[in-house]
Amino acid sequence: QHSQHPYNYCHEKMFGKITLDANVDGKGLKAENMNTSVNGIIKKIQFNDYAYQNIKVEGNLAKGIFDGNFNIKDENITLDFAGNVNFSKSPMLINFTADIANANLSGLGFVKNNKYTGISAKVNVDCKGNNPDDMTGKIFLTNIIYRHEKKIFDFKDVRFFVDDNAGNKTINLSSAIADAQLVGKFKSTDVFSSFSDFLHNYLPALFSQVKDKKKYRQEFTYNIQLKNMDVVTDAFLPGTKITCPSSVSGKFDGQKNNFSFDASFPLITINKHKLNKCNINISSENNALSFSASSKRFQVSDSIQLDNIHFDSHACHDTIGFNLKWNNASQHYKGNVPGYIAFSEKPKTKIKFLTSEITIADSLWQINPANELVIDSSFIAVRNLAFVCGKQQVRIEGNISKEKEERMYLILSSFALPNFNPLLKDAGIILQGTISGNTSVANIYDKPVFGSNSNVQNMILNSEEIGSGPVVCIYDRERDMININGKLTKKEGDNIKFSGDYFPSRDTNSIAMETEIHNFHLNFFEPFLKGDFTNLKGNASAMLKIGG
């Protein structure tokens, strides 16, 4: 028979119209005596809102066994498939190979972006089963190549082995990236709903309970040994490195409400920040879900580090209580920051820091316990979140919402500029003096409005007296530009004036400033000239234009 017509395949919503041109020849109406061959071209088939074209099909269906091949030569994918499926037995027997070349996941609609994201691989399947939950056998993925724009990532080979012994299933994964094992009684279709039930016991406002009580029992252990994560992090988390060997292990028993997760990483690097000897532990005990994370050292920069970090939390009754601690004995840095997060007034989330102490270079900062943060889908409200050290205060207050008039404020009172020195050490800058003032932001859901009005007192930079005076910054949202104006004076009169614009979204020509200086000591400039000039003496006054 010869046919050429479009028709709707409605069994799956992901499928759409099919245009088929094929020859079908055979006999028999029942599966046990059917013997039919098909040879033709699927000119177009809609799947996942994409129209695949030019699919050549050739095969034979006899006595419940399909044996054949098809190939796709579409502008977004090339695929060659050959194999057979035996429907005459239960469980079904499935054996096929597939060669996938240059599958453009963006073009096919699996990845929602306009950048090229592609994958190539060879697939070999030798399994039996009637559905994913009772499937056993082996699946090999070889020569896996992932492409993102012009970058190519070689994932090499991944092998899956699935075995079932009287309902006790074992899944083994082997690859150059990691080895993993999952052992126990589980159904993949129920795992997420079962875990949602588990979390509902502690955070019912966030996780709903599945009403179907006939779900299959989920009881399994898991073990993952990370061997080399470079290709994974380079592809999906650029700037991140996970030193191996690292490990992840644990267990889950949905019926007994028992869960554990244990992970150990020698070193995690995120850009220039490093977490040494990082451990993560999660367990369900004493009617609470406990989470703890620790790191021997968090290297913020070359000159700033936090040692002996411990974060502990416990979740129950829609509330997460937490405590963050660190202690740098040699540098006199330590902290103890307890608090809680409450979800009981969903959709609102409330966060509160309890009495806290942070020591920075022998200066003790405390958090005002009268603080509160409220987060909703359309607003953020902060009340009296104040960090206090003697006369110094840093306070966050206000609202962020879709109302254009509402503002969030950062308020500084007598804040000591030397607090910035650890951050500026690598640049060779040492500050003295204080700064007071406020910064506000509003309308972030539409066109952000930013402004800052500060007053600098007795500023000294690298032993050079700069002076005191106002610094005003205003964000021009139409031009995406921050206008900066300031004037600092000494007893003798004006010392420095500056005015100009900064364009934060530009990679080049992002700053255009005019600066007027009076009677600056020339040796002030030596740290910024990087050895080009030394032993500078005398004073200088100038009009400067700064750009770049």
Protein backbone atom coordinates (compact mmCIF):
# COMPACT_ATOMS: atom_id res chain seq x y z
CA GLN A 1 0.00 0.00 0.00
CA HIS A 2 1.10 3.54 -0.74
CA SER A 3 0.01 6.48 1.41
CA GLN A 4 0.86 10.13 1.73
CA HIS A 5 -1.14 12.13 4.23
CA PRO A 6 -0.72 14.15 7.46
CA TYR A 7 -2.40 12.94 10.58
CA ASN A 8 -2.46 13.82 14.27
CA TYR A 9 -0.83 11.53 16.74
CA CYS A 10 -2.48 12.48 20.02
CA HIS A 11 -1.22 9.80 22.39
CA GLU A 12 1.54 12.10 23.59
CA LYS A 13 1.15 15.86 23.79
CA MET A 14 4.76 16.29 22.69
CA PHE A 15 3.93 14.83 19.29
CA GLY A 16 2.22 16.78 16.54
CA LYS A 17 1.54 16.27 12.84
CA ILE A 18 3.31 13.60 10.81
CA THR A 19 3.71 13.62 7.04
CA LEU A 20 4.54 10.10 5.86
CA ASP A 21 5.40 8.63 2.45
CA ALA A 22 5.90 4.86 2.86
CA ASN A 23 5.32 1.42 1.41
CA VAL A 24 3.78 -1.09 3.83
CA ASP A 25 3.58 -4.74 2.80
CA GLY A 26 2.49 -7.64 4.96
CA LYS A 27 -0.17 -9.94 6.32
CA GLY A 28 -1.79 -10.86 9.59
CA LEU A 29 -3.85 -8.81 12.01
CA LYS A 30 -2.75 -10.31 15.31
CA ALA A 31 0.64 -9.82 16.93
CA GLU A 32 1.44 -13.56 16.89
CA ASN A 33 0.93 -13.96 13.13
CA MET A 34 1.69 -10.48 11.80
CA ASN A 35 4.49 -10.20 9.26
CA THR A 36 4.83 -6.70 7.90
CA SER A 37 7.61 -4.64 6.34
CA VAL A 38 7.78 -0.89 6.01
CA ASN A 39 10.01 1.20 3.77
CA GLY A 40 9.65 4.91 3.33
CA ILE A 41 10.33 8.46 4.44
CA ILE A 42 8.76 10.46 7.22
CA LYS A 43 8.94 13.84 5.57
CA LYS A 44 8.03 15.71 8.71
CA ILE A 45 7.13 14.85 12.32
CA GLN A 46 6.39 17.35 15.11
CA PHE A 47 8.00 16.56 18.44
CA ASN A 48 8.50 18.97 21.33
CA ASP A 49 7.34 21.83 19.06
CA TYR A 50 10.04 21.07 16.50
CA ALA A 51 9.47 19.63 13.01
CA TYR A 52 11.99 16.87 12.31
CA GLN A 53 12.46 16.29 8.59
CA ASN A 54 13.76 13.63 6.21
CA ILE A 55 13.58 10.48 8.36
CA LYS A 56 14.22 7.33 6.38
CA VAL A 57 12.59 4.22 7.87
CA GLU A 58 13.17 0.58 6.96
CA GLY A 59 12.11 -2.41 9.04
CA ASN A 60 10.10 -5.55 9.61
CA LEU A 61 7.53 -6.50 12.24
CA ALA A 62 7.04 -10.27 12.53
CA LYS A 63 5.58 -12.29 15.41
CA GLY A 64 5.89 -9.41 17.85
CA ILE A 65 9.48 -8.56 16.95
CA PHE A 66 10.42 -5.31 15.23
CA ASP A 67 13.80 -5.27 13.50
CA GLY A 68 14.87 -2.28 11.50
CA ASN A 69 16.65 1.00 11.21
CA PHE A 70 15.99 4.64 10.56
CA ASN A 71 18.14 7.69 10.02
CA ILE A 72 17.53 11.41 10.36
CA LYS A 73 19.30 14.02 8.32
CA ASP A 74 17.85 17.23 9.66
CA GLU A 75 19.55 20.62 9.81
CA ASN A 76 19.68 20.31 13.62
CA ILE A 77 20.48 16.60 14.03
CA THR A 78 21.96 13.63 12.24
CA LEU A 79 21.02 10.25 13.74
CA ASP A 80 21.47 6.65 12.62
CA PHE A 81 19.49 3.97 14.50
CA ALA A 82 19.60 0.20 14.07
CA GLY A 83 18.15 -2.49 16.32
CA ASN A 84 15.23 -4.60 17.40
CA VAL A 85 12.50 -4.73 20.02
CA ASN A 86 10.87 -8.02 20.99
CA PHE A 87 7.28 -7.33 22.08
CA SER A 88 6.40 -11.03 22.16
CA LYS A 89 7.98 -11.53 25.55
CA SER A 90 7.37 -9.95 28.91
CA PRO A 91 9.50 -8.19 29.86
CA MET A 92 10.30 -6.83 26.39
CA LEU A 93 13.78 -7.30 24.96
CA ILE A 94 15.39 -4.13 23.61
CA ASN A 95 18.64 -4.07 21.65
CA PHE A 96 19.77 -1.18 19.50
CA THR A 97 22.61 1.18 18.61
CA ALA A 98 22.28 4.86 17.76
CA ASP A 99 24.85 7.27 16.42
CA ILE A 100 23.94 10.87 17.26
CA ALA A 101 25.93 13.56 15.47
CA ASN A 102 25.65 17.29 16.06
CA ALA A 103 22.32 17.36 17.84
CA ASN A 104 21.63 21.07 18.28
CA LEU A 105 19.76 21.09 21.60
CA SER A 106 18.94 24.78 21.23
CA GLY A 107 17.55 24.36 17.72
CA LEU A 108 15.56 21.26 18.74
CA GLY A 109 13.95 23.12 21.65
CA PHE A 110 15.49 21.13 24.52
CA VAL A 111 17.57 24.12 25.68
CA LYS A 112 15.88 27.50 25.89
CA ASN A 113 18.53 29.90 24.62
CA ASN A 114 19.78 31.31 21.35
CA LYS A 115 23.34 30.04 21.77
CA TYR A 116 24.46 26.87 20.04
CA THR A 117 24.36 23.94 22.45
CA GLY A 118 25.08 20.58 20.82
CA ILE A 119 25.86 16.99 21.68
CA SER A 120 27.24 13.98 19.82
CA ALA A 121 27.46 10.40 21.10
CA LYS A 122 27.15 6.74 20.27
CA VAL A 123 24.48 4.84 22.22
CA ASN A 124 24.35 1.08 22.74
CA VAL A 125 21.38 -0.40 24.60
CA ASP A 126 20.89 -4.04 25.58
CA CYS A 127 18.03 -4.18 28.08
CA LYS A 128 14.80 -5.87 29.03
CA GLY A 129 11.78 -4.37 30.71
CA ASN A 130 8.29 -3.01 30.13
CA ASN A 131 8.89 0.43 31.65
CA PRO A 132 11.79 2.45 33.11
CA ASP A 133 11.14 1.12 36.62
CA ASP A 134 11.63 -2.57 35.80
CA MET A 135 14.32 -2.10 33.15
CA THR A 136 17.53 -4.12 33.56
CA GLY A 137 20.58 -4.54 31.37
CA LYS A 138 23.28 -2.17 30.15
CA ILE A 139 23.47 1.18 28.42
CA PHE A 140 26.73 2.47 27.00
CA LEU A 141 27.25 6.07 25.91
CA THR A 142 30.59 6.48 24.14
CA ASN A 143 32.47 9.33 22.49
CA ILE A 144 30.28 11.94 24.21
CA ILE A 145 31.08 15.41 22.88
CA TYR A 146 29.31 18.48 24.24
CA ARG A 147 29.55 21.79 22.39
CA HIS A 148 28.58 25.22 23.66
CA GLU A 149 29.05 28.01 21.15
CA LYS A 150 32.63 27.48 19.92
CA LYS A 151 33.82 25.48 22.94
CA ILE A 152 34.14 21.68 22.80
CA PHE A 153 34.02 19.41 25.87
CA ASP A 154 34.94 15.72 25.74
CA PHE A 155 32.96 13.70 28.28
CA LYS A 156 34.43 10.45 26.94
CA ASP A 157 32.34 7.37 27.88
CA VAL A 158 29.60 6.65 30.41
CA ARG A 159 28.42 3.10 31.15
CA PHE A 160 25.27 2.08 33.06
CA PHE A 161 24.63 -1.41 34.40
CA VAL A 162 21.22 -2.21 35.91
CA ASP A 163 20.46 -5.45 37.79
CA ASP A 164 17.43 -6.63 39.75
CA ASN A 165 17.60 -9.46 42.30
CA ALA A 166 14.17 -10.26 43.72
CA GLY A 167 13.14 -6.60 43.75
CA ASN A 168 16.46 -5.32 45.06
CA LYS A 169 17.86 -3.17 42.27
CA THR A 170 21.46 -2.14 41.67
CA ILE A 171 22.51 0.62 39.28
CA ASN A 172 26.20 1.10 38.60
CA LEU A 173 27.65 4.01 36.65
CA SER A 174 31.22 4.03 35.42
CA SER A 175 33.05 6.89 33.70
CA ALA A 176 36.25 8.92 33.71
CA ILE A 177 34.35 11.63 35.62
CA ALA A 178 32.83 9.58 38.44
CA ASP A 179 31.81 6.11 39.56
CA ALA A 180 28.44 5.72 41.26
CA GLN A 181 26.25 3.02 42.75
CA LEU A 182 22.58 3.02 43.76
CA VAL A 183 21.32 -0.05 45.65
CA GLY A 184 17.90 -0.82 47.08
CA LYS A 185 14.17 -0.86 46.42
CA PHE A 186 12.99 2.13 44.45
CA LYS A 187 10.92 3.31 41.52
CA SER A 188 12.23 6.29 39.62
CA THR A 189 8.71 7.60 38.99
CA ASP A 190 8.07 7.83 42.74
CA VAL A 191 11.43 9.04 44.06
CA PHE A 192 10.71 12.78 43.86
CA SER A 193 7.21 12.53 45.31
CA SER A 194 8.51 10.34 48.13
CA PHE A 195 11.27 12.82 48.91
CA SER A 196 8.72 15.65 48.84
CA ASP A 197 6.70 13.72 51.43
CA PHE A 198 9.85 13.39 53.53
CA LEU A 199 10.57 17.14 53.43
CA HIS A 200 6.90 17.88 54.18
CA ASN A 201 7.49 16.53 57.69
CA TYR A 202 9.80 19.47 58.43
CA LEU A 203 8.79 22.26 56.03
CA PRO A 204 5.10 21.66 55.15
CA ALA A 205 4.65 25.20 53.82
CA LEU A 206 7.29 24.57 51.13
CA PHE A 207 6.70 20.91 50.27
CA SER A 208 3.29 19.41 49.68
CA GLN A 209 2.41 15.88 50.69
CA VAL A 210 1.41 13.49 47.92
CA LYS A 211 -2.04 12.09 48.70
CA ASP A 212 -1.49 8.72 47.01
CA LYS A 213 -0.49 6.42 49.86
CA LYS A 214 0.01 3.41 47.55
CA LYS A 215 3.38 4.62 46.36
CA TYR A 216 6.16 2.10 46.12
CA ARG A 217 8.50 2.10 49.11
CA GLN A 218 11.75 4.00 48.43
CA GLU A 219 14.62 2.44 50.36
CA PHE A 220 18.12 2.76 48.94
CA THR A 221 21.73 3.70 49.54
CA TYR A 222 23.94 5.68 47.18
CA ASN A 223 27.66 6.20 46.77
CA ILE A 224 29.44 8.52 44.33
CA GLN A 225 33.20 8.74 43.91
CA LEU A 226 34.23 11.84 41.95
CA LYS A 227 37.38 11.16 39.91
CA ASN A 228 37.85 14.16 37.63
CA MET A 229 35.22 16.89 37.46
CA ASP A 230 37.12 19.34 35.26
CA VAL A 231 35.11 18.77 32.09
CA VAL A 232 31.80 19.10 34.00
CA THR A 233 32.72 22.33 35.76
CA ASP A 234 34.33 23.81 32.64
CA ALA A 235 31.16 23.14 30.67
CA PHE A 236 28.46 24.06 33.19
CA LEU A 237 30.19 25.97 36.04
CA PRO A 238 33.02 27.96 34.44
CA GLY A 239 35.40 29.35 37.03
CA THR A 240 34.67 26.48 39.42
CA LYS A 241 37.07 23.64 40.20
CA ILE A 242 36.40 20.58 42.39
CA THR A 243 39.58 18.81 43.44
CA CYS A 244 39.32 15.03 43.30
CA PRO A 245 39.06 12.44 44.66
CA SER A 246 35.88 13.63 46.37
CA SER A 247 32.96 11.57 47.63
CA VAL A 248 29.21 11.70 48.19
CA SER A 249 27.25 8.98 49.98
CA GLY A 250 24.06 8.43 51.94
CA LYS A 251 20.76 6.60 52.25
CA PHE A 252 17.02 7.19 52.07
CA ASP A 253 14.08 5.29 53.54
CA GLY A 254 10.82 7.09 52.85
CA GLN A 255 8.72 4.83 55.06
CA LYS A 256 10.94 5.29 58.11
CA ASN A 257 11.51 8.97 57.35
CA ASN A 258 15.25 8.33 57.33
CA PHE A 259 17.71 10.29 55.17
CA SER A 260 21.44 10.96 55.23
CA PHE A 261 23.86 12.77 52.92
CA ASP A 262 27.62 12.97 53.46
CA ALA A 263 30.01 14.76 51.12
CA SER A 264 33.72 15.48 51.36
CA PHE A 265 35.75 17.77 49.07
CA PRO A 266 39.50 18.46 49.54
CA LEU A 267 39.24 21.81 47.75
CA ILE A 268 36.55 23.78 45.93
CA THR A 269 37.66 26.83 43.96
CA ILE A 270 35.16 29.42 42.69
CA ASN A 271 37.03 31.99 40.65
CA LYS A 272 39.73 33.14 43.11
CA HIS A 273 37.84 32.02 46.21
CA LYS A 274 38.87 28.72 47.78
CA LEU A 275 37.16 26.37 50.24
CA ASN A 276 39.66 23.96 51.82
CA LYS A 277 38.64 20.64 53.37
CA CYS A 278 34.92 21.14 52.84
CA ASN A 279 32.42 18.70 54.38
CA ILE A 280 28.63 18.61 54.11
CA ASN A 281 26.38 16.44 56.27
CA ILE A 282 22.57 16.09 56.29
CA SER A 283 20.59 13.76 58.53
CA SER A 284 17.08 13.29 59.90
CA GLU A 285 17.07 12.74 63.63
CA ASN A 286 15.16 13.81 66.74
CA ASN A 287 12.20 15.04 64.66
CA ALA A 288 14.39 17.58 62.86
CA LEU A 289 16.31 17.70 59.61
CA SER A 290 19.89 18.68 60.38
CA PHE A 291 22.30 20.29 57.93
CA SER A 292 25.92 21.11 58.65
CA ALA A 293 28.78 22.35 56.50
CA SER A 294 32.36 23.06 57.47
CA SER A 295 35.56 24.28 55.88
CA LYS A 296 39.05 24.47 57.29
CA ARG A 297 39.67 27.72 55.41
CA PHE A 298 37.72 30.00 53.10
CA GLN A 299 40.22 32.03 51.08
CA VAL A 300 38.33 35.19 50.06
CA SER A 301 41.41 36.79 48.48
CA ASP A 302 45.18 36.65 48.82
CA SER A 303 44.97 38.73 52.01
CA ILE A 304 41.56 37.78 53.46
CA GLN A 305 40.62 34.37 54.81
CA LEU A 306 38.18 32.83 57.26
CA ASP A 307 39.34 29.77 59.19
CA ASN A 308 37.44 26.97 60.90
CA ILE A 309 34.06 27.78 59.37
CA HIS A 310 31.04 25.87 60.68
CA PHE A 311 27.45 26.32 59.52
CA ASP A 312 24.80 24.34 61.38
CA SER A 313 21.04 24.36 60.84
CA HIS A 314 17.96 22.42 61.93
CA ALA A 315 14.61 22.39 60.14
CA CYS A 316 11.28 21.62 61.82
CA HIS A 317 7.78 23.13 62.06
CA ASP A 318 8.37 25.35 59.00
CA THR A 319 11.38 27.02 60.61
CA ILE A 320 15.10 26.69 59.93
CA GLY A 321 17.35 27.70 62.79
CA PHE A 322 20.98 28.36 61.86
CA ASN A 323 24.33 29.31 63.34
CA LEU A 324 27.40 30.45 61.40
CA LYS A 325 30.78 30.44 63.16
CA TRP A 326 34.40 31.05 62.16
CA ASN A 327 37.60 31.66 64.06
CA ASN A 328 40.92 32.99 62.75
CA ALA A 329 43.03 32.85 65.88
CA SER A 330 46.16 34.28 64.22
CA GLN A 331 44.41 37.27 62.62
CA HIS A 332 41.87 37.97 65.37
CA TYR A 333 38.91 37.36 63.08
CA LYS A 334 35.99 35.39 64.42
CA GLY A 335 32.24 35.34 64.24
CA ASN A 336 29.13 33.85 65.82
CA VAL A 337 25.94 34.62 63.85
CA PRO A 338 22.79 32.71 64.91
CA GLY A 339 19.32 33.25 63.50
CA TYR A 340 16.28 31.63 61.96
CA ILE A 341 14.20 31.54 58.77
CA ALA A 342 10.43 31.08 59.13
CA PHE A 343 8.11 29.91 56.33
CA SER A 344 4.92 29.51 58.37
CA GLU A 345 3.32 32.66 56.91
CA LYS A 346 3.67 31.52 53.29
CA PRO A 347 4.09 33.23 50.84
CA LYS A 348 6.06 35.44 53.23
CA THR A 349 9.49 34.33 54.42
CA LYS A 350 10.83 35.91 57.61
CA ILE A 351 14.52 36.04 58.50
CA LYS A 352 15.89 37.19 61.82
CA PHE A 353 19.45 37.39 63.15
CA LEU A 354 19.72 36.80 66.89
CA THR A 355 22.35 38.39 69.12
CA SER A 356 25.53 38.07 67.06
CA GLU A 357 29.17 39.03 67.41
CA ILE A 358 31.79 39.50 64.69
CA THR A 359 35.41 40.35 65.55
CA ILE A 360 37.50 42.00 62.82
CA ALA A 361 41.11 42.78 63.78
CA ASP A 362 40.18 43.12 67.47
CA SER A 363 37.14 45.30 66.69
CA LEU A 364 33.92 43.77 68.00
CA TRP A 365 30.83 44.23 65.83
CA GLN A 366 27.37 43.28 67.05
CA ILE A 367 24.10 42.78 65.16
CA ASN A 368 21.10 44.54 66.67
CA PRO A 369 18.71 41.69 67.66
CA ALA A 370 15.66 43.90 66.90
CA ASN A 371 16.11 43.24 63.16
CA GLU A 372 13.72 41.53 60.76
CA LEU A 373 13.73 40.72 57.04
CA VAL A 374 10.51 39.84 55.22
CA ILE A 375 10.62 38.45 51.67
CA ASP A 376 7.58 37.97 49.46
CA SER A 377 7.16 37.40 45.74
CA SER A 378 6.76 41.14 45.12
CA PHE A 379 8.67 42.86 47.92
CA ILE A 380 11.58 42.75 50.34
CA ALA A 381 11.32 44.61 53.64
CA VAL A 382 14.26 45.13 56.02
CA ARG A 383 13.85 46.60 59.49
CA ASN A 384 16.73 47.78 61.67
CA LEU A 385 19.41 45.43 60.37
CA ALA A 386 22.27 47.25 62.09
CA PHE A 387 25.92 46.28 62.60
CA VAL A 388 27.40 48.31 65.46
CA CYS A 389 30.96 48.77 66.71
CA GLY A 390 31.34 51.62 69.20
CA LYS A 391 30.40 54.80 67.29
CA GLN A 392 30.47 52.98 63.97
CA GLN A 393 27.25 51.72 62.48
CA VAL A 394 26.20 50.07 59.21
CA ARG A 395 22.41 49.85 58.89
CA ILE A 396 20.10 48.49 56.21
CA GLU A 397 16.52 49.76 56.29
CA GLY A 398 13.61 50.08 53.90
CA ASN A 399 11.58 48.29 51.25
CA ILE A 400 12.09 47.03 47.73
CA SER A 401 8.87 46.51 45.79
CA LYS A 402 7.09 47.36 42.57
CA GLU A 403 6.06 50.67 44.11
CA LYS A 404 8.43 53.23 42.59
CA GLU A 405 8.42 55.42 45.70
CA GLU A 406 9.72 52.75 48.08
CA ARG A 407 13.46 52.61 48.73
CA MET A 408 16.06 50.48 50.43
CA TYR A 409 18.75 52.40 52.32
CA LEU A 410 22.31 51.56 53.31
CA ILE A 411 23.24 53.99 56.08
CA LEU A 412 26.80 54.51 57.32
CA SER A 413 27.58 56.37 60.54
CA SER A 414 31.23 57.22 61.37
CA PHE A 415 32.33 54.12 59.45
CA ALA A 416 36.12 53.81 59.71
CA LEU A 417 37.82 53.73 56.30
CA PRO A 418 40.57 51.37 57.62
CA ASN A 419 37.88 48.65 57.50
CA PHE A 420 38.52 48.60 53.74
CA ASN A 421 42.29 48.13 54.07
CA PRO A 422 42.31 44.31 53.99
CA LEU A 423 40.46 44.49 50.67
CA LEU A 424 42.84 47.12 49.28
CA LYS A 425 46.08 45.58 50.52
CA ASP A 426 46.93 43.97 47.18
CA ALA A 427 46.49 47.33 45.44
CA GLY A 428 48.98 49.00 47.81
CA ILE A 429 46.34 51.32 49.28
CA ILE A 430 46.03 52.22 52.98
CA LEU A 431 43.14 54.42 54.14
CA GLN A 432 42.43 56.42 57.25
CA GLY A 433 39.44 58.56 58.22
CA THR A 434 35.68 57.98 58.41
CA ILE A 435 32.65 58.12 56.13
CA SER A 436 28.98 58.80 56.93
CA GLY A 437 25.97 59.01 54.66
CA ASN A 438 23.36 56.94 52.89
CA THR A 439 22.84 55.05 49.67
CA SER A 440 19.40 54.24 48.32
CA VAL A 441 18.00 52.00 45.59
CA ALA A 442 14.45 51.84 44.27
CA ASN A 443 12.29 50.47 41.45
CA ILE A 444 14.55 47.46 40.77
CA TYR A 445 11.64 45.55 39.19
CA ASP A 446 11.43 48.07 36.35
CA LYS A 447 14.08 50.77 35.88
CA PRO A 448 16.37 50.93 38.93
CA VAL A 449 17.04 54.25 40.62
CA PHE A 450 20.29 54.58 42.58
CA GLY A 451 21.68 57.47 44.61
CA SER A 452 24.35 58.07 47.22
CA ASN A 453 25.15 61.07 49.40
CA SER A 454 28.14 60.66 51.69
CA ASN A 455 30.50 62.80 53.72
CA VAL A 456 34.16 61.87 54.15
CA GLN A 457 36.00 63.06 57.26
CA ASN A 458 39.80 63.42 57.62
CA MET A 459 40.64 61.04 54.79
CA ILE A 460 44.30 60.01 54.50
CA LEU A 461 45.46 57.83 51.61
CA ASN A 462 48.96 56.28 51.87
CA SER A 463 50.05 58.97 54.34
CA GLU A 464 48.81 61.76 52.04
CA GLU A 465 46.17 63.98 53.63
CA ILE A 466 43.23 64.12 51.23
CA GLY A 467 40.78 66.05 53.41
CA SER A 468 37.08 66.15 54.19
CA GLY A 469 33.98 66.82 52.14
CA PRO A 470 30.94 65.49 50.28
CA VAL A 471 30.77 62.77 47.62
CA VAL A 472 27.52 62.46 45.65
CA CYS A 473 26.62 59.67 43.20
CA ILE A 474 23.44 59.60 41.09
CA TYR A 475 22.39 56.83 38.70
CA ASP A 476 21.01 57.95 35.35
CA ARG A 477 18.89 54.99 34.27
CA GLU A 478 18.23 56.34 30.77
CA ARG A 479 21.96 56.38 29.98
CA ASP A 480 22.88 53.52 32.35
CA MET A 481 25.43 55.81 33.95
CA ILE A 482 26.53 56.82 37.45
CA ASN A 483 27.37 60.51 37.79
CA ILE A 484 30.00 61.15 40.49
CA ASN A 485 30.85 64.51 42.07
CA GLY A 486 33.03 65.28 45.06
CA LYS A 487 35.18 67.92 46.72
CA LEU A 488 37.60 67.25 49.56
CA THR A 489 39.33 70.10 51.38
CA LYS A 490 42.10 70.55 53.89
CA LYS A 491 42.71 73.43 56.24
CA GLU A 492 44.61 75.21 53.46
CA GLY A 493 41.59 75.04 51.12
CA ASP A 494 40.48 72.84 48.24
CA ASN A 495 42.65 69.77 47.82
CA ILE A 496 40.83 67.64 45.22
CA LYS A 497 37.73 68.06 43.09
CA PHE A 498 36.34 65.39 40.80
CA SER A 499 33.39 65.12 38.50
CA GLY A 500 32.47 62.61 35.84
CA ASP A 501 30.56 59.54 34.74
CA TYR A 502 30.92 55.80 35.15
CA PHE A 503 29.18 53.38 32.77
CA PRO A 504 28.97 50.01 34.63
CA SER A 505 27.77 47.94 31.66
CA ARG A 506 30.56 48.96 29.28
CA ASP A 507 33.68 46.87 28.75
CA THR A 508 35.60 49.81 27.28
CA ASN A 509 35.36 53.59 27.72
CA SER A 510 33.50 52.96 30.96
CA ILE A 511 34.85 55.98 32.86
CA ALA A 512 35.20 59.65 32.00
CA MET A 513 36.36 61.84 34.89
CA GLU A 514 37.83 65.31 35.29
CA THR A 515 39.90 65.81 38.43
CA GLU A 516 41.54 68.91 39.85
CA ILE A 517 44.30 68.42 42.45
CA HIS A 518 46.19 71.02 44.51
CA ASN A 519 49.58 70.68 46.17
CA PHE A 520 49.82 66.90 46.15
CA HIS A 521 53.12 65.45 47.32
CA LEU A 522 54.70 63.68 44.34
CA ASN A 523 55.75 60.65 46.37
CA PHE A 524 52.01 59.93 46.78
CA PHE A 525 51.96 58.65 43.19
CA GLU A 526 54.89 56.17 43.51
CA PRO A 527 52.77 53.10 44.49
CA PHE A 528 50.60 53.62 41.39
CA LEU A 529 53.47 54.00 38.93
CA LYS A 530 54.69 50.43 39.53
CA GLY A 531 58.42 51.19 39.61
CA ASP A 532 58.51 53.43 36.53
CA PHE A 533 59.44 56.39 38.75
CA THR A 534 61.12 56.41 42.14
CA ASN A 535 62.32 58.96 44.69
CA LEU A 536 59.76 61.52 43.56
CA LYS A 537 59.94 64.80 45.51
CA GLY A 538 58.06 68.08 45.48
CA ASN A 539 54.41 69.07 45.07
CA ALA A 540 52.09 69.09 42.09
CA SER A 541 48.84 70.75 41.06
CA ALA A 542 47.06 69.68 37.90
CA MET A 543 43.90 69.26 35.89
CA LEU A 544 43.51 65.60 34.98
CA LYS A 545 41.23 63.79 32.58
CA ILE A 546 40.77 60.12 33.36
CA GLY A 547 39.24 57.70 30.87
CA GLY A 548 39.29 54.08 29.87
